C-alpha atoms as a PDB file:
ATOM      1  CA  MET A   1     -18.739  -9.964  26.412  1.00  0.00           C
ATOM      2  CA  ALA A   2     -15.207  -8.731  25.724  1.00  0.00           C
ATOM      3  CA  LEU A   3     -14.404  -7.093  22.430  1.00  0.00           C
ATOM      4  CA  LYS A   4     -11.849  -9.083  20.451  1.00  0.00           C
ATOM      5  CA  LEU A   5      -9.402  -7.031  18.405  1.00  0.00           C
ATOM      6  CA  THR A   6      -7.057  -8.356  15.755  1.00  0.00           C
ATOM      7  CA  PRO A   7      -4.049  -6.508  14.345  1.00  0.00           C
ATOM      8  CA  PHE A   8      -4.538  -4.970  10.917  1.00  0.00           C
ATOM      9  CA  ASP A   9      -2.582  -6.809   8.229  1.00  0.00           C
ATOM     10  CA  PRO A  10      -2.334  -4.817   4.988  1.00  0.00           C
ATOM     11  CA  ALA A  11      -1.120  -7.913   3.110  1.00  0.00           C
ATOM     12  CA  LYS A  12      -4.633  -9.347   3.395  1.00  0.00           C
ATOM     13  CA  HIS A  13      -6.069  -6.340   1.548  1.00  0.00           C
ATOM     14  CA  LEU A  14      -3.590  -6.026  -1.332  1.00  0.00           C
ATOM     15  CA  GLU A  15      -5.559  -7.937  -3.919  1.00  0.00           C
ATOM     16  CA  THR A  16      -5.032  -6.121  -7.209  1.00  0.00           C
ATOM     17  CA  GLU A  17      -2.068  -4.618  -9.006  1.00  0.00           C
ATOM     18  CA  GLU A  18      -3.674  -1.210  -8.517  1.00  0.00           C
ATOM     19  CA  ASP A  19      -3.935  -1.805  -4.731  1.00  0.00           C
ATOM     20  CA  ILE A  20      -0.236  -2.638  -4.624  1.00  0.00           C
ATOM     21  CA  LEU A  21       0.835   0.366  -6.684  1.00  0.00           C
ATOM     22  CA  TYR A  22      -1.188   2.811  -4.561  1.00  0.00           C
ATOM     23  CA  PHE A  23       0.069   1.182  -1.368  1.00  0.00           C
ATOM     24  CA  LEU A  24       3.727   1.437  -2.379  1.00  0.00           C
ATOM     25  CA  GLU A  25       3.268   4.957  -3.742  1.00  0.00           C
ATOM     26  CA  ALA A  26       1.852   6.070  -0.392  1.00  0.00           C
ATOM     27  CA  ALA A  27       4.732   4.367   1.451  1.00  0.00           C
ATOM     28  CA  MET A  28       7.282   6.177  -0.735  1.00  0.00           C
ATOM     29  CA  GLU A  29       5.777   9.601  -0.016  1.00  0.00           C
ATOM     30  CA  GLY A  30       7.082   9.592   3.540  1.00  0.00           C
ATOM     31  CA  ASN A  31      10.713   9.023   2.490  1.00  0.00           C
ATOM     32  CA  ASP A  32      11.134   6.718   5.503  1.00  0.00           C
ATOM     33  CA  PRO A  33      13.326   3.761   4.473  1.00  0.00           C
ATOM     34  CA  LYS A  34      12.038   1.529   7.268  1.00  0.00           C
ATOM     35  CA  HIS A  35       8.415   2.199   6.321  1.00  0.00           C
ATOM     36  CA  ILE A  36       9.169   1.572   2.642  1.00  0.00           C
ATOM     37  CA  ALA A  37      10.893  -1.732   3.448  1.00  0.00           C
ATOM     38  CA  SER A  38       7.999  -2.774   5.668  1.00  0.00           C
ATOM     39  CA  ALA A  39       5.451  -1.867   2.970  1.00  0.00           C
ATOM     40  CA  LEU A  40       7.392  -3.864   0.402  1.00  0.00           C
ATOM     41  CA  GLY A  41       7.363  -6.740   2.887  1.00  0.00           C
ATOM     42  CA  ASP A  42       3.568  -6.446   3.126  1.00  0.00           C
ATOM     43  CA  VAL A  43       3.324  -6.645  -0.653  1.00  0.00           C
ATOM     44  CA  ALA A  44       5.651  -9.658  -0.766  1.00  0.00           C
ATOM     45  CA  ARG A  45       3.545 -11.395   1.902  1.00  0.00           C
ATOM     46  CA  SER A  46       0.387 -10.666  -0.093  1.00  0.00           C
ATOM     47  CA  LYS A  47       1.936 -12.517  -3.048  1.00  0.00           C
ATOM     48  CA  GLY A  48       3.456 -15.309  -0.958  1.00  0.00           C
ATOM     49  CA  MET A  49       6.823 -14.695   0.652  1.00  0.00           C
ATOM     50  CA  THR A  50       8.213 -18.102  -0.330  1.00  0.00           C
ATOM     51  CA  GLU A  51       7.371 -17.568  -3.993  1.00  0.00           C
ATOM     52  CA  VAL A  52       8.734 -13.998  -4.009  1.00  0.00           C
ATOM     53  CA  ALA A  53      11.939 -15.125  -2.303  1.00  0.00           C
ATOM     54  CA  LYS A  54      12.396 -17.901  -4.859  1.00  0.00           C
ATOM     55  CA  LYS A  55      11.836 -15.542  -7.816  1.00  0.00           C
ATOM     56  CA  ALA A  56      14.196 -12.981  -6.263  1.00  0.00           C
ATOM     57  CA  GLY A  57      16.876 -15.601  -5.640  1.00  0.00           C
ATOM     58  CA  LEU A  58      16.854 -14.987  -1.896  1.00  0.00           C
ATOM     59  CA  GLY A  59      16.218 -17.087   1.193  1.00  0.00           C
ATOM     60  CA  ARG A  60      12.746 -16.697   2.655  1.00  0.00           C
ATOM     61  CA  GLN A  61      13.967 -15.873   6.164  1.00  0.00           C
ATOM     62  CA  ALA A  62      16.544 -13.404   4.828  1.00  0.00           C
ATOM     63  CA  LEU A  63      13.766 -11.714   2.874  1.00  0.00           C
ATOM     64  CA  TYR A  64      11.528 -11.524   5.957  1.00  0.00           C
ATOM     65  CA  ASN A  65      14.398  -9.942   7.883  1.00  0.00           C
ATOM     66  CA  ALA A  66      15.313  -7.455   5.142  1.00  0.00           C
ATOM     67  CA  LEU A  67      11.694  -6.335   4.662  1.00  0.00           C
ATOM     68  CA  SER A  68      10.721  -6.093   8.316  1.00  0.00           C
ATOM     69  CA  GLU A  69      10.234  -2.786  10.147  1.00  0.00           C
ATOM     70  CA  ASN A  70      13.800  -3.113  11.431  1.00  0.00           C
ATOM     71  CA  GLY A  71      15.203  -4.385   8.149  1.00  0.00           C
ATOM     72  CA  ASN A  72      17.564  -2.472   5.937  1.00  0.00           C
ATOM     73  CA  PRO A  73      17.523  -4.113   2.501  1.00  0.00           C
ATOM     74  CA  THR A  74      20.393  -3.478   0.142  1.00  0.00           C
ATOM     75  CA  LEU A  75      19.721  -1.944  -3.238  1.00  0.00           C
ATOM     76  CA  GLU A  76      20.418  -5.366  -4.730  1.00  0.00           C
ATOM     77  CA  THR A  77      17.710  -6.939  -2.546  1.00  0.00           C
ATOM     78  CA  LEU A  78      15.273  -4.130  -3.301  1.00  0.00           C
ATOM     79  CA  LEU A  79      15.742  -4.528  -7.053  1.00  0.00           C
ATOM     80  CA  ALA A  80      15.458  -8.321  -6.841  1.00  0.00           C
ATOM     81  CA  VAL A  81      12.200  -8.131  -4.870  1.00  0.00           C
ATOM     82  CA  LEU A  82      10.709  -5.494  -7.154  1.00  0.00           C
ATOM     83  CA  GLY A  83      11.644  -7.616 -10.163  1.00  0.00           C
ATOM     84  CA  ALA A  84      10.072 -10.709  -8.570  1.00  0.00           C
ATOM     85  CA  LEU A  85       6.884  -8.688  -8.095  1.00  0.00           C
ATOM     86  CA  GLY A  86       6.909  -7.483 -11.695  1.00  0.00           C
ATOM     87  CA  LEU A  87       7.776  -3.928 -10.636  1.00  0.00           C
ATOM     88  CA  GLU A  88      10.719  -1.628 -11.293  1.00  0.00           C
ATOM     89  CA  LEU A  89      12.349   1.306  -9.588  1.00  0.00           C
ATOM     90  CA  THR A  90      12.104   4.575 -11.510  1.00  0.00           C
ATOM     91  CA  VAL A  91      13.179   8.145 -10.858  1.00  0.00           C
ATOM     92  CA  GLN A  92      11.294  11.302 -11.657  1.00  0.00           C
ATOM     93  CA  LYS A  93      11.680  14.974 -10.858  1.00  0.00           C
ATOM     94  CA  ARG A  94       9.813  16.118  -7.784  1.00  0.00           C
ATOM     95  CA  ALA A  95       6.945  18.511  -8.230  1.00  0.00           C
ATOM     96  CA  ALA A  96       7.944  22.049  -7.271  1.00  0.00           C
END
């Protein structure tokens, strides 16, 4: 009998607000814009991409494209998506 493998989808495991915050915090640690955009896309998918796009005032397909691994969302898109998710962008001093 052959072993059946399925790709891991983090969106299926982001169930609580705490899950989402830890997930995005970990994505931010790498300072890789493509990884951050992809992680934000995973969060948006966990909440329902259509609903997030509507709340953000964006088209669903445009949001998928912007938050894909090859996407490059503008700051405006990033802020709109974070707002739709009930999150905000903050800045703090790095630990020495």
